[in-house]
Protein backbone atom coordinates (compact mmCIF):
# COMPACT_ATOMS: atom_id res chain seq x y z
CA MET A 1 4.08 9.76 -3.82
CA PRO A 2 1.50 7.97 -1.64
CA ALA A 3 -2.04 8.31 -2.94
CA ARG A 4 -5.48 6.89 -2.29
CA TYR A 5 -8.25 6.70 -4.86
CA VAL A 6 -11.86 5.56 -4.80
CA ILE A 7 -12.93 4.54 -8.29
CA GLY A 8 -16.53 3.69 -9.12
CA THR A 9 -17.49 0.65 -11.16
CA ASP A 10 -18.00 3.04 -14.09
CA GLY A 11 -14.30 3.99 -13.93
CA VAL A 12 -14.89 7.52 -12.63
CA ILE A 13 -12.64 8.70 -9.81
CA ALA A 14 -14.94 9.57 -6.91
CA TYR A 15 -12.18 10.53 -4.45
CA ALA A 16 -8.48 11.28 -4.72
CA GLU A 17 -6.06 12.06 -1.92
CA VAL A 18 -2.31 12.57 -2.31
CA ASN A 19 0.05 13.35 0.53
CA PRO A 20 3.85 13.10 0.55
CA ASP A 21 3.69 12.02 4.21
CA TYR A 22 2.55 8.39 4.07
CA THR A 23 1.77 8.44 7.81
CA ARG A 24 -1.06 10.95 7.32
CA ARG A 25 -4.23 9.23 6.24
CA PRO A 26 -7.69 10.62 5.58
CA ASP A 27 -10.18 10.36 8.38
CA PRO A 28 -12.93 7.78 7.78
CA SER A 29 -15.46 10.60 8.06
CA GLU A 30 -14.02 11.91 4.75
CA LEU A 31 -14.23 8.60 2.92
CA LEU A 32 -17.50 7.12 4.14
CA PRO A 33 -19.76 9.75 2.52
CA VAL A 34 -17.95 9.19 -0.80
CA LEU A 35 -18.52 5.44 -0.54
CA ASP A 36 -22.16 5.98 0.39
CA ARG A 37 -22.71 8.04 -2.78
CA LEU A 38 -21.35 5.33 -5.08
CA PRO A 39 -23.94 3.14 -6.74
CA ALA A 40 -23.95 -0.46 -5.58
CA GLY A 41 -21.92 -2.63 -7.91
CA VAL A 42 -21.06 -6.27 -8.25
CA PRO A 43 -18.29 -7.23 -5.79
CA ALA A 44 -15.00 -8.23 -7.36
């Protein structure tokens, strides 16, 4: 099952999206606010 997760540097899942249709993807307007709320971490 296709899934997309945003996981913070503290290991907490900040966003989860699962859709059986891999061609349907979340709109950036859904993901950007989640990313903006995450604390800045050290890049990998």
